[in-house]
N, C-alpha and C. Protein backbone atom coordinates (compact mmCIF):
# COMPACT_ATOMS: atom_id res chain seq x y z
N LEU A 1 3.93 -23.75 -19.34
CA LEU A 1 4.93 -22.82 -18.85
C LEU A 1 6.23 -23.01 -19.62
N ASP A 2 6.88 -21.90 -19.93
CA ASP A 2 8.16 -21.94 -20.60
C ASP A 2 9.07 -20.92 -19.94
N HIS A 3 10.15 -21.38 -19.33
CA HIS A 3 11.07 -20.50 -18.61
C HIS A 3 10.33 -19.63 -17.60
N GLY A 4 9.34 -20.21 -16.95
CA GLY A 4 8.59 -19.48 -15.94
C GLY A 4 7.49 -18.59 -16.48
N LEU A 5 7.30 -18.58 -17.78
CA LEU A 5 6.25 -17.76 -18.39
C LEU A 5 5.06 -18.64 -18.75
N ASP A 6 3.88 -18.14 -18.48
CA ASP A 6 2.65 -18.82 -18.86
C ASP A 6 2.33 -18.42 -20.30
N VAL A 7 2.49 -19.34 -21.23
CA VAL A 7 2.34 -19.05 -22.66
C VAL A 7 0.97 -19.50 -23.15
N HIS A 8 0.30 -18.60 -23.82
CA HIS A 8 -0.98 -18.92 -24.48
C HIS A 8 -0.72 -18.77 -25.98
N TYR A 9 -0.79 -19.88 -26.69
CA TYR A 9 -0.39 -19.93 -28.10
C TYR A 9 -1.61 -20.25 -28.95
N THR A 10 -1.95 -19.30 -29.82
CA THR A 10 -3.03 -19.49 -30.78
C THR A 10 -2.44 -19.42 -32.18
N GLN A 11 -2.85 -20.34 -33.03
CA GLN A 11 -2.34 -20.35 -34.40
C GLN A 11 -3.51 -20.42 -35.37
N ASN A 12 -3.41 -19.61 -36.41
CA ASN A 12 -4.44 -19.65 -37.45
C ASN A 12 -3.97 -20.54 -38.59
N VAL A 13 -4.91 -20.98 -39.37
CA VAL A 13 -4.61 -21.65 -40.63
C VAL A 13 -5.50 -21.02 -41.69
N THR A 14 -4.86 -20.56 -42.74
CA THR A 14 -5.61 -19.93 -43.82
C THR A 14 -6.15 -21.03 -44.71
N ASP A 15 -7.37 -21.45 -44.43
CA ASP A 15 -7.96 -22.57 -45.16
C ASP A 15 -8.89 -22.13 -46.28
N VAL A 16 -8.89 -20.83 -46.59
CA VAL A 16 -9.52 -20.33 -47.81
C VAL A 16 -8.84 -19.01 -48.15
N ASP A 17 -8.27 -18.94 -49.34
CA ASP A 17 -7.69 -17.70 -49.87
C ASP A 17 -7.45 -17.88 -51.36
N ASP A 18 -7.07 -16.80 -52.03
CA ASP A 18 -6.92 -16.84 -53.48
C ASP A 18 -5.92 -17.89 -53.96
N PRO A 19 -4.70 -17.97 -53.38
CA PRO A 19 -3.77 -19.00 -53.86
C PRO A 19 -4.30 -20.43 -53.71
N LEU A 20 -4.99 -20.70 -52.60
CA LEU A 20 -5.57 -22.03 -52.39
C LEU A 20 -6.64 -22.30 -53.45
N LEU A 21 -7.49 -21.32 -53.72
CA LEU A 21 -8.55 -21.50 -54.71
C LEU A 21 -7.96 -21.69 -56.10
N GLU A 22 -6.91 -20.93 -56.42
CA GLU A 22 -6.25 -21.07 -57.73
C GLU A 22 -5.63 -22.46 -57.87
N ARG A 23 -4.98 -22.94 -56.81
CA ARG A 23 -4.36 -24.27 -56.86
C ARG A 23 -5.43 -25.35 -56.97
N ALA A 24 -6.52 -25.20 -56.25
CA ALA A 24 -7.61 -26.18 -56.32
C ALA A 24 -8.16 -26.27 -57.74
N GLU A 25 -8.35 -25.12 -58.36
CA GLU A 25 -8.87 -25.12 -59.73
C GLU A 25 -7.87 -25.73 -60.70
N ALA A 26 -6.59 -25.38 -60.55
CA ALA A 26 -5.56 -25.89 -61.45
C ALA A 26 -5.39 -27.40 -61.33
N THR A 27 -5.60 -27.96 -60.14
CA THR A 27 -5.40 -29.39 -59.92
C THR A 27 -6.70 -30.19 -59.99
N GLY A 28 -7.83 -29.49 -60.08
CA GLY A 28 -9.12 -30.17 -60.14
C GLY A 28 -9.56 -30.78 -58.83
N VAL A 29 -9.03 -30.25 -57.73
CA VAL A 29 -9.37 -30.75 -56.39
C VAL A 29 -10.31 -29.74 -55.73
N ASP A 30 -11.31 -30.22 -55.02
CA ASP A 30 -12.19 -29.32 -54.28
C ASP A 30 -11.36 -28.53 -53.27
N TRP A 31 -11.62 -27.22 -53.16
CA TRP A 31 -10.80 -26.36 -52.30
C TRP A 31 -10.84 -26.81 -50.85
N ARG A 32 -11.99 -27.33 -50.39
CA ARG A 32 -12.10 -27.79 -49.00
C ARG A 32 -11.20 -29.00 -48.77
N GLU A 33 -11.19 -29.92 -49.72
CA GLU A 33 -10.34 -31.11 -49.62
C GLU A 33 -8.86 -30.71 -49.63
N LEU A 34 -8.50 -29.79 -50.52
CA LEU A 34 -7.12 -29.32 -50.58
C LEU A 34 -6.71 -28.64 -49.28
N ALA A 35 -7.56 -27.79 -48.75
CA ALA A 35 -7.26 -27.09 -47.49
C ALA A 35 -7.08 -28.09 -46.36
N GLU A 36 -7.96 -29.06 -46.27
CA GLU A 36 -7.87 -30.07 -45.20
C GLU A 36 -6.59 -30.89 -45.33
N ARG A 37 -6.26 -31.29 -46.55
CA ARG A 37 -5.06 -32.09 -46.77
C ARG A 37 -3.79 -31.30 -46.42
N GLU A 38 -3.71 -30.05 -46.90
CA GLU A 38 -2.52 -29.24 -46.64
C GLU A 38 -2.39 -28.89 -45.16
N THR A 39 -3.51 -28.65 -44.51
CA THR A 39 -3.49 -28.36 -43.07
C THR A 39 -2.98 -29.57 -42.30
N GLN A 40 -3.45 -30.75 -42.67
CA GLN A 40 -2.98 -31.96 -41.98
C GLN A 40 -1.50 -32.21 -42.24
N LEU A 41 -1.04 -31.96 -43.46
CA LEU A 41 0.39 -32.12 -43.77
C LEU A 41 1.22 -31.18 -42.90
N PHE A 42 0.76 -29.95 -42.74
CA PHE A 42 1.47 -28.99 -41.90
C PHE A 42 1.52 -29.47 -40.45
N ARG A 43 0.38 -29.91 -39.95
CA ARG A 43 0.33 -30.38 -38.56
C ARG A 43 1.23 -31.60 -38.36
N ASP A 44 1.23 -32.51 -39.33
CA ASP A 44 2.11 -33.69 -39.25
C ASP A 44 3.58 -33.26 -39.26
N ASP A 45 3.92 -32.29 -40.09
CA ASP A 45 5.30 -31.79 -40.13
C ASP A 45 5.68 -31.17 -38.78
N MET A 46 4.79 -30.39 -38.20
CA MET A 46 5.09 -29.77 -36.90
C MET A 46 5.27 -30.83 -35.81
N ASP A 47 4.44 -31.89 -35.87
CA ASP A 47 4.61 -33.00 -34.92
C ASP A 47 5.95 -33.69 -35.11
N ALA A 48 6.32 -33.92 -36.39
CA ALA A 48 7.59 -34.58 -36.68
C ALA A 48 8.78 -33.74 -36.21
N LEU A 49 8.62 -32.44 -36.25
CA LEU A 49 9.68 -31.53 -35.78
C LEU A 49 9.63 -31.31 -34.28
N ARG A 50 8.65 -31.94 -33.64
CA ARG A 50 8.46 -31.84 -32.19
C ARG A 50 8.15 -30.41 -31.74
N VAL A 51 7.43 -29.68 -32.58
CA VAL A 51 6.97 -28.34 -32.23
C VAL A 51 5.72 -28.50 -31.37
N LEU A 52 5.69 -27.83 -30.24
CA LEU A 52 4.53 -27.93 -29.36
C LEU A 52 3.29 -27.41 -30.07
N ALA A 53 2.21 -28.12 -29.92
CA ALA A 53 0.95 -27.72 -30.54
C ALA A 53 0.39 -26.47 -29.86
N PRO A 54 -0.31 -25.63 -30.62
CA PRO A 54 -0.92 -24.45 -30.01
C PRO A 54 -2.09 -24.83 -29.10
N ASP A 55 -2.43 -23.91 -28.21
CA ASP A 55 -3.63 -24.10 -27.38
C ASP A 55 -4.88 -24.07 -28.25
N HIS A 56 -4.85 -23.20 -29.26
CA HIS A 56 -5.99 -23.04 -30.17
C HIS A 56 -5.46 -23.03 -31.60
N TYR A 57 -6.02 -23.88 -32.42
CA TYR A 57 -5.66 -23.97 -33.83
C TYR A 57 -6.93 -23.63 -34.59
N ILE A 58 -6.99 -22.44 -35.17
CA ILE A 58 -8.24 -21.90 -35.70
C ILE A 58 -8.15 -21.68 -37.21
N GLY A 59 -9.09 -22.24 -37.94
CA GLY A 59 -9.16 -22.03 -39.37
C GLY A 59 -9.85 -20.73 -39.72
N ALA A 60 -9.47 -20.14 -40.85
CA ALA A 60 -10.10 -18.91 -41.31
C ALA A 60 -11.60 -19.11 -41.51
N VAL A 61 -11.99 -20.24 -42.07
CA VAL A 61 -13.42 -20.50 -42.29
C VAL A 61 -14.15 -20.54 -40.95
N GLU A 62 -13.55 -21.18 -39.98
CA GLU A 62 -14.12 -21.29 -38.64
C GLU A 62 -14.29 -19.92 -37.98
N SER A 63 -13.44 -18.98 -38.34
CA SER A 63 -13.45 -17.66 -37.70
C SER A 63 -14.29 -16.62 -38.42
N ILE A 64 -15.02 -17.01 -39.45
CA ILE A 64 -15.80 -16.03 -40.22
C ILE A 64 -16.79 -15.26 -39.34
N PRO A 65 -17.50 -15.88 -38.41
CA PRO A 65 -18.39 -15.08 -37.56
C PRO A 65 -17.65 -13.99 -36.77
N GLN A 66 -16.47 -14.31 -36.26
CA GLN A 66 -15.69 -13.32 -35.52
C GLN A 66 -15.19 -12.21 -36.45
N ALA A 67 -14.81 -12.58 -37.68
CA ALA A 67 -14.36 -11.56 -38.64
C ALA A 67 -15.52 -10.63 -39.00
N ILE A 68 -16.70 -11.17 -39.18
CA ILE A 68 -17.88 -10.35 -39.48
C ILE A 68 -18.13 -9.38 -38.33
N ALA A 69 -18.06 -9.88 -37.10
CA ALA A 69 -18.28 -9.01 -35.92
C ALA A 69 -17.24 -7.90 -35.85
N LEU A 70 -15.98 -8.21 -36.17
CA LEU A 70 -14.93 -7.19 -36.15
C LEU A 70 -15.17 -6.16 -37.24
N ILE A 71 -15.57 -6.59 -38.43
CA ILE A 71 -15.86 -5.64 -39.51
C ILE A 71 -17.01 -4.73 -39.10
N GLU A 72 -18.01 -5.28 -38.45
CA GLU A 72 -19.13 -4.44 -37.98
C GLU A 72 -18.65 -3.40 -36.97
N ARG A 73 -17.74 -3.80 -36.06
CA ARG A 73 -17.18 -2.83 -35.09
C ARG A 73 -16.39 -1.74 -35.82
N LEU A 74 -15.63 -2.14 -36.83
CA LEU A 74 -14.86 -1.17 -37.61
C LEU A 74 -15.79 -0.23 -38.38
N GLN A 75 -16.91 -0.76 -38.86
CA GLN A 75 -17.89 0.10 -39.52
C GLN A 75 -18.43 1.15 -38.55
N ARG A 76 -18.79 0.71 -37.36
CA ARG A 76 -19.32 1.65 -36.36
C ARG A 76 -18.29 2.72 -36.00
N ALA A 77 -17.02 2.38 -36.09
CA ALA A 77 -15.95 3.33 -35.79
C ALA A 77 -15.63 4.24 -36.97
N GLY A 78 -16.28 4.01 -38.11
CA GLY A 78 -16.05 4.84 -39.29
C GLY A 78 -14.79 4.49 -40.06
N ALA A 79 -14.27 3.28 -39.89
CA ALA A 79 -13.01 2.88 -40.52
C ALA A 79 -13.20 2.02 -41.76
N VAL A 80 -14.42 1.91 -42.26
CA VAL A 80 -14.73 1.02 -43.38
C VAL A 80 -15.44 1.81 -44.47
N TYR A 81 -15.12 1.49 -45.71
CA TYR A 81 -15.83 2.07 -46.86
C TYR A 81 -15.94 1.03 -47.96
N SER A 82 -16.82 1.30 -48.90
CA SER A 82 -17.09 0.36 -49.99
C SER A 82 -16.37 0.78 -51.27
N VAL A 83 -15.91 -0.22 -51.99
CA VAL A 83 -15.47 -0.06 -53.36
C VAL A 83 -16.23 -1.13 -54.12
N GLU A 84 -17.17 -0.67 -54.92
CA GLU A 84 -18.15 -1.58 -55.52
C GLU A 84 -18.81 -2.34 -54.38
N ASP A 85 -18.79 -3.66 -54.38
CA ASP A 85 -19.43 -4.42 -53.30
C ASP A 85 -18.43 -4.91 -52.25
N ASP A 86 -17.16 -4.59 -52.42
CA ASP A 86 -16.13 -4.97 -51.46
C ASP A 86 -16.02 -3.92 -50.36
N LEU A 87 -15.55 -4.33 -49.18
CA LEU A 87 -15.33 -3.40 -48.07
C LEU A 87 -13.84 -3.28 -47.81
N TYR A 88 -13.41 -2.05 -47.54
CA TYR A 88 -12.00 -1.76 -47.27
C TYR A 88 -11.83 -1.13 -45.91
N PHE A 89 -10.68 -1.40 -45.29
CA PHE A 89 -10.26 -0.77 -44.05
C PHE A 89 -9.44 0.46 -44.39
N SER A 90 -9.80 1.57 -43.80
CA SER A 90 -9.07 2.82 -43.99
C SER A 90 -7.90 2.87 -43.01
N VAL A 91 -6.68 2.72 -43.53
CA VAL A 91 -5.52 2.70 -42.64
C VAL A 91 -5.35 4.04 -41.91
N GLY A 92 -5.91 5.11 -42.46
CA GLY A 92 -5.86 6.40 -41.80
C GLY A 92 -6.64 6.44 -40.50
N ALA A 93 -7.50 5.46 -40.28
CA ALA A 93 -8.28 5.39 -39.03
C ALA A 93 -7.42 4.94 -37.86
N ASP A 94 -6.23 4.41 -38.14
CA ASP A 94 -5.33 3.93 -37.09
C ASP A 94 -4.16 4.90 -36.96
N PRO A 95 -4.14 5.73 -35.92
CA PRO A 95 -3.04 6.69 -35.78
C PRO A 95 -1.68 6.02 -35.59
N ALA A 96 -1.66 4.76 -35.21
CA ALA A 96 -0.40 4.04 -35.02
C ALA A 96 0.02 3.25 -36.25
N PHE A 97 -0.69 3.42 -37.36
CA PHE A 97 -0.37 2.66 -38.57
C PHE A 97 1.08 2.92 -38.97
N GLY A 98 1.84 1.85 -39.13
CA GLY A 98 3.26 1.93 -39.47
C GLY A 98 4.17 1.59 -38.31
N ASP A 99 3.64 1.61 -37.10
CA ASP A 99 4.47 1.34 -35.92
C ASP A 99 4.96 -0.11 -35.87
N VAL A 100 4.15 -1.05 -36.33
CA VAL A 100 4.52 -2.46 -36.26
C VAL A 100 5.71 -2.74 -37.18
N SER A 101 5.62 -2.29 -38.42
CA SER A 101 6.68 -2.58 -39.39
C SER A 101 7.83 -1.59 -39.33
N GLY A 102 7.56 -0.37 -38.91
CA GLY A 102 8.59 0.66 -38.92
C GLY A 102 8.93 1.15 -40.31
N LEU A 103 8.12 0.80 -41.30
CA LEU A 103 8.37 1.20 -42.68
C LEU A 103 7.75 2.57 -42.96
N ASP A 104 8.39 3.32 -43.86
CA ASP A 104 7.78 4.57 -44.30
C ASP A 104 6.82 4.26 -45.44
N ARG A 105 6.05 5.26 -45.81
CA ARG A 105 5.01 5.07 -46.83
C ARG A 105 5.58 4.58 -48.16
N ALA A 106 6.70 5.12 -48.58
CA ALA A 106 7.29 4.71 -49.86
C ALA A 106 7.64 3.22 -49.84
N ALA A 107 8.22 2.74 -48.76
CA ALA A 107 8.56 1.31 -48.66
C ALA A 107 7.29 0.46 -48.64
N MET A 108 6.27 0.92 -47.91
CA MET A 108 5.01 0.18 -47.87
C MET A 108 4.40 0.06 -49.27
N LEU A 109 4.41 1.18 -50.01
CA LEU A 109 3.83 1.17 -51.36
C LEU A 109 4.60 0.26 -52.30
N GLU A 110 5.88 0.10 -52.08
CA GLU A 110 6.68 -0.80 -52.90
C GLU A 110 6.37 -2.26 -52.59
N ILE A 111 6.21 -2.57 -51.32
CA ILE A 111 6.01 -3.95 -50.88
C ILE A 111 4.55 -4.41 -51.05
N PHE A 112 3.61 -3.52 -50.84
CA PHE A 112 2.19 -3.88 -50.78
C PHE A 112 1.73 -4.73 -51.97
N PRO A 113 1.98 -4.32 -53.22
CA PRO A 113 1.49 -5.16 -54.34
C PRO A 113 2.20 -6.50 -54.46
N GLU A 114 3.44 -6.57 -53.97
CA GLU A 114 4.20 -7.83 -54.03
C GLU A 114 3.63 -8.87 -53.06
N ARG A 115 2.89 -8.39 -52.04
CA ARG A 115 2.41 -9.28 -50.99
C ARG A 115 0.89 -9.28 -50.89
N GLY A 116 0.23 -9.20 -52.03
CA GLY A 116 -1.21 -9.37 -52.09
C GLY A 116 -2.04 -8.11 -52.03
N GLY A 117 -1.42 -6.95 -51.87
CA GLY A 117 -2.17 -5.69 -51.83
C GLY A 117 -2.60 -5.24 -53.21
N ASP A 118 -3.55 -4.34 -53.24
CA ASP A 118 -4.08 -3.83 -54.50
C ASP A 118 -4.05 -2.29 -54.51
N PRO A 119 -2.85 -1.70 -54.49
CA PRO A 119 -2.75 -0.25 -54.34
C PRO A 119 -3.38 0.55 -55.48
N ASP A 120 -3.50 -0.04 -56.64
CA ASP A 120 -4.00 0.70 -57.80
C ASP A 120 -5.47 0.48 -58.09
N ARG A 121 -6.19 -0.16 -57.17
CA ARG A 121 -7.62 -0.38 -57.42
C ARG A 121 -8.36 0.95 -57.39
N ALA A 122 -9.10 1.18 -58.45
CA ALA A 122 -9.89 2.41 -58.56
C ALA A 122 -10.93 2.45 -57.46
N GLY A 123 -11.10 3.64 -56.88
CA GLY A 123 -12.12 3.84 -55.87
C GLY A 123 -11.60 3.80 -54.44
N LYS A 124 -10.36 3.35 -54.25
CA LYS A 124 -9.80 3.32 -52.90
C LYS A 124 -9.44 4.74 -52.47
N LYS A 125 -9.63 5.01 -51.18
CA LYS A 125 -9.30 6.33 -50.63
C LYS A 125 -7.80 6.50 -50.44
N ASP A 126 -7.11 5.43 -50.09
CA ASP A 126 -5.66 5.43 -49.89
C ASP A 126 -5.14 4.15 -50.53
N GLN A 127 -4.04 4.25 -51.23
CA GLN A 127 -3.48 3.07 -51.89
C GLN A 127 -3.18 1.94 -50.93
N LEU A 128 -2.92 2.25 -49.65
CA LEU A 128 -2.58 1.23 -48.67
C LEU A 128 -3.79 0.62 -47.97
N ASP A 129 -4.98 1.15 -48.19
CA ASP A 129 -6.16 0.57 -47.57
C ASP A 129 -6.29 -0.88 -48.01
N CYS A 130 -6.75 -1.74 -47.09
CA CYS A 130 -6.78 -3.17 -47.41
C CYS A 130 -8.19 -3.74 -47.35
N LEU A 131 -8.34 -4.81 -48.07
CA LEU A 131 -9.62 -5.49 -48.20
C LEU A 131 -10.06 -6.14 -46.89
N LEU A 132 -11.28 -5.82 -46.47
CA LEU A 132 -11.88 -6.46 -45.29
C LEU A 132 -12.86 -7.55 -45.68
N TRP A 133 -13.68 -7.28 -46.69
CA TRP A 133 -14.70 -8.24 -47.11
C TRP A 133 -14.74 -8.26 -48.62
N ARG A 134 -14.48 -9.42 -49.20
CA ARG A 134 -14.51 -9.62 -50.65
C ARG A 134 -15.88 -10.13 -51.02
N ALA A 135 -16.61 -9.33 -51.78
CA ALA A 135 -17.95 -9.73 -52.20
C ALA A 135 -17.86 -10.99 -53.05
N GLU A 136 -18.93 -11.75 -53.03
CA GLU A 136 -18.99 -13.01 -53.76
C GLU A 136 -18.58 -12.82 -55.21
N ARG A 137 -17.74 -13.75 -55.69
CA ARG A 137 -17.31 -13.80 -57.08
C ARG A 137 -17.78 -15.14 -57.66
N PRO A 138 -18.12 -15.18 -58.94
CA PRO A 138 -18.54 -16.45 -59.53
C PRO A 138 -17.49 -17.54 -59.35
N GLY A 139 -17.95 -18.70 -58.94
CA GLY A 139 -17.08 -19.86 -58.78
C GLY A 139 -16.25 -19.88 -57.51
N GLU A 140 -16.40 -18.88 -56.64
CA GLU A 140 -15.64 -18.84 -55.39
C GLU A 140 -16.57 -19.10 -54.21
N PRO A 141 -16.04 -19.68 -53.14
CA PRO A 141 -16.87 -19.89 -51.96
C PRO A 141 -17.25 -18.55 -51.33
N SER A 142 -18.41 -18.52 -50.72
CA SER A 142 -18.84 -17.31 -50.03
C SER A 142 -19.74 -17.69 -48.86
N TRP A 143 -19.87 -16.74 -47.95
CA TRP A 143 -20.69 -16.93 -46.77
C TRP A 143 -21.60 -15.72 -46.63
N ASP A 144 -22.77 -15.94 -46.05
CA ASP A 144 -23.71 -14.85 -45.82
C ASP A 144 -23.16 -13.92 -44.75
N SER A 145 -23.48 -12.65 -44.90
CA SER A 145 -23.07 -11.65 -43.92
C SER A 145 -24.00 -10.46 -44.04
N PRO A 146 -23.94 -9.54 -43.09
CA PRO A 146 -24.72 -8.30 -43.20
C PRO A 146 -24.28 -7.44 -44.38
N PHE A 147 -23.09 -7.73 -44.95
CA PHE A 147 -22.56 -6.96 -46.07
C PHE A 147 -22.88 -7.61 -47.40
N GLY A 148 -23.59 -8.72 -47.37
CA GLY A 148 -23.86 -9.51 -48.56
C GLY A 148 -22.94 -10.73 -48.57
N PRO A 149 -23.19 -11.66 -49.48
CA PRO A 149 -22.36 -12.85 -49.53
C PRO A 149 -20.93 -12.51 -49.94
N GLY A 150 -19.98 -13.26 -49.36
CA GLY A 150 -18.57 -13.04 -49.67
C GLY A 150 -17.71 -13.75 -48.66
N ARG A 151 -16.49 -13.22 -48.48
CA ARG A 151 -15.57 -13.81 -47.51
C ARG A 151 -14.63 -12.73 -46.99
N PRO A 152 -14.12 -12.95 -45.78
CA PRO A 152 -13.23 -11.94 -45.18
C PRO A 152 -11.89 -11.86 -45.90
N GLY A 153 -11.27 -10.71 -45.77
CA GLY A 153 -9.89 -10.56 -46.20
C GLY A 153 -8.96 -11.25 -45.23
N TRP A 154 -7.74 -11.49 -45.67
CA TRP A 154 -6.77 -12.26 -44.91
C TRP A 154 -6.44 -11.60 -43.58
N HIS A 155 -6.20 -10.30 -43.57
CA HIS A 155 -5.75 -9.64 -42.34
C HIS A 155 -6.82 -9.64 -41.26
N VAL A 156 -8.06 -9.40 -41.64
CA VAL A 156 -9.14 -9.32 -40.65
C VAL A 156 -9.42 -10.68 -40.02
N GLU A 157 -9.20 -11.74 -40.76
CA GLU A 157 -9.36 -13.08 -40.17
C GLU A 157 -8.41 -13.25 -39.00
N CYS A 158 -7.15 -12.90 -39.22
CA CYS A 158 -6.14 -13.08 -38.16
C CYS A 158 -6.38 -12.13 -37.00
N ALA A 159 -6.80 -10.90 -37.30
CA ALA A 159 -7.11 -9.95 -36.22
C ALA A 159 -8.25 -10.49 -35.36
N ALA A 160 -9.28 -11.02 -36.01
CA ALA A 160 -10.43 -11.55 -35.27
C ALA A 160 -10.04 -12.76 -34.42
N ILE A 161 -9.23 -13.63 -34.97
CA ILE A 161 -8.78 -14.81 -34.22
C ILE A 161 -7.96 -14.38 -33.01
N ALA A 162 -7.02 -13.46 -33.21
CA ALA A 162 -6.18 -12.99 -32.11
C ALA A 162 -7.01 -12.32 -31.03
N LEU A 163 -7.93 -11.45 -31.42
CA LEU A 163 -8.77 -10.77 -30.43
C LEU A 163 -9.62 -11.76 -29.65
N ASP A 164 -10.16 -12.73 -30.35
CA ASP A 164 -11.05 -13.70 -29.72
C ASP A 164 -10.31 -14.62 -28.74
N HIS A 165 -9.09 -15.00 -29.07
CA HIS A 165 -8.38 -15.99 -28.26
C HIS A 165 -7.27 -15.41 -27.38
N LEU A 166 -6.78 -14.20 -27.70
CA LEU A 166 -5.67 -13.63 -26.94
C LEU A 166 -5.97 -12.26 -26.35
N GLY A 167 -6.89 -11.53 -26.95
CA GLY A 167 -7.15 -10.16 -26.51
C GLY A 167 -6.17 -9.19 -27.15
N MET A 168 -6.24 -7.92 -26.74
CA MET A 168 -5.42 -6.89 -27.38
C MET A 168 -3.96 -6.90 -26.96
N GLY A 169 -3.64 -7.35 -25.79
CA GLY A 169 -2.29 -7.15 -25.28
C GLY A 169 -1.33 -8.30 -25.46
N PHE A 170 -1.39 -9.03 -26.56
CA PHE A 170 -0.46 -10.15 -26.69
C PHE A 170 0.92 -9.67 -27.12
N ASP A 171 1.93 -10.50 -26.85
CA ASP A 171 3.32 -10.07 -26.97
C ASP A 171 3.98 -10.39 -28.31
N VAL A 172 3.67 -11.52 -28.90
CA VAL A 172 4.39 -11.95 -30.10
C VAL A 172 3.40 -12.36 -31.17
N GLN A 173 3.65 -11.87 -32.39
CA GLN A 173 2.90 -12.34 -33.55
C GLN A 173 3.95 -12.99 -34.45
N GLY A 174 3.81 -14.29 -34.69
CA GLY A 174 4.86 -15.04 -35.35
C GLY A 174 4.68 -15.18 -36.84
N GLY A 175 5.63 -15.87 -37.43
CA GLY A 175 5.63 -16.11 -38.87
C GLY A 175 6.90 -15.57 -39.49
N GLY A 176 6.98 -15.68 -40.80
CA GLY A 176 8.15 -15.19 -41.52
C GLY A 176 8.21 -13.68 -41.53
N SER A 177 9.40 -13.14 -41.79
CA SER A 177 9.59 -11.69 -41.81
C SER A 177 8.74 -11.02 -42.88
N ASP A 178 8.36 -11.77 -43.91
CA ASP A 178 7.51 -11.21 -44.97
C ASP A 178 6.11 -10.87 -44.46
N LEU A 179 5.73 -11.37 -43.29
CA LEU A 179 4.40 -11.09 -42.74
C LEU A 179 4.33 -9.76 -41.99
N VAL A 180 5.48 -9.21 -41.61
CA VAL A 180 5.47 -7.96 -40.84
C VAL A 180 4.68 -6.88 -41.57
N PHE A 181 4.93 -6.75 -42.87
CA PHE A 181 4.12 -5.85 -43.69
C PHE A 181 3.78 -6.57 -44.98
N PRO A 182 2.52 -6.57 -45.36
CA PRO A 182 1.43 -5.82 -44.76
C PRO A 182 0.65 -6.57 -43.68
N HIS A 183 0.84 -7.88 -43.56
CA HIS A 183 -0.10 -8.67 -42.75
C HIS A 183 -0.16 -8.26 -41.29
N HIS A 184 0.96 -8.28 -40.59
CA HIS A 184 0.91 -7.93 -39.16
C HIS A 184 0.50 -6.47 -38.96
N GLU A 185 0.98 -5.60 -39.82
CA GLU A 185 0.63 -4.17 -39.71
C GLU A 185 -0.87 -3.97 -39.89
N MET A 186 -1.45 -4.60 -40.91
CA MET A 186 -2.89 -4.44 -41.17
C MET A 186 -3.71 -5.10 -40.07
N SER A 187 -3.30 -6.28 -39.63
CA SER A 187 -4.04 -6.96 -38.56
C SER A 187 -4.04 -6.13 -37.29
N ALA A 188 -2.90 -5.54 -36.95
CA ALA A 188 -2.82 -4.69 -35.75
C ALA A 188 -3.71 -3.46 -35.91
N GLY A 189 -3.69 -2.85 -37.08
CA GLY A 189 -4.54 -1.68 -37.31
C GLY A 189 -6.01 -2.00 -37.19
N GLU A 190 -6.41 -3.12 -37.73
CA GLU A 190 -7.82 -3.51 -37.67
C GLU A 190 -8.23 -3.88 -36.24
N ALA A 191 -7.31 -4.50 -35.50
CA ALA A 191 -7.61 -4.87 -34.11
C ALA A 191 -7.75 -3.62 -33.26
């Protein structure tokens, strides 16, 4: 309880993504070892700062089954399409897209490539559509799925974790202001 409110706090940890894989390769460290070490350093820092631990601390790798299930639901809703072997979320499928960030399309298009988006990828229906499932690439970790081997995109991992542990009606999505778009916007749209 905090100020009379019953708080349910779930936190994700991105323990597999492109920057982590790039750093692992550059340093010659196994990506799993690097992810575990950096996650523990973060947790130790939070303890040192006396930040209360979350009720649920969920890794992206741990949440892959939930992300797969969410992608399957999005497919059934007609919100997913393929570009080569990758799967994308159609932001047009969410009538509320843009409500989280309050940004107009021009601002989104300016920010999207700076924050991991790929607006100029050939074959996309909309420049703002985001990656749901990255098909297996040589030398990268992958997991089996109904879509073929690969790994979830960043936004769908967080959407799946939030839905699984908090449900649709949660009040606060935290992090730096740089996460509002595209991350929080895309996660909300996918959820």
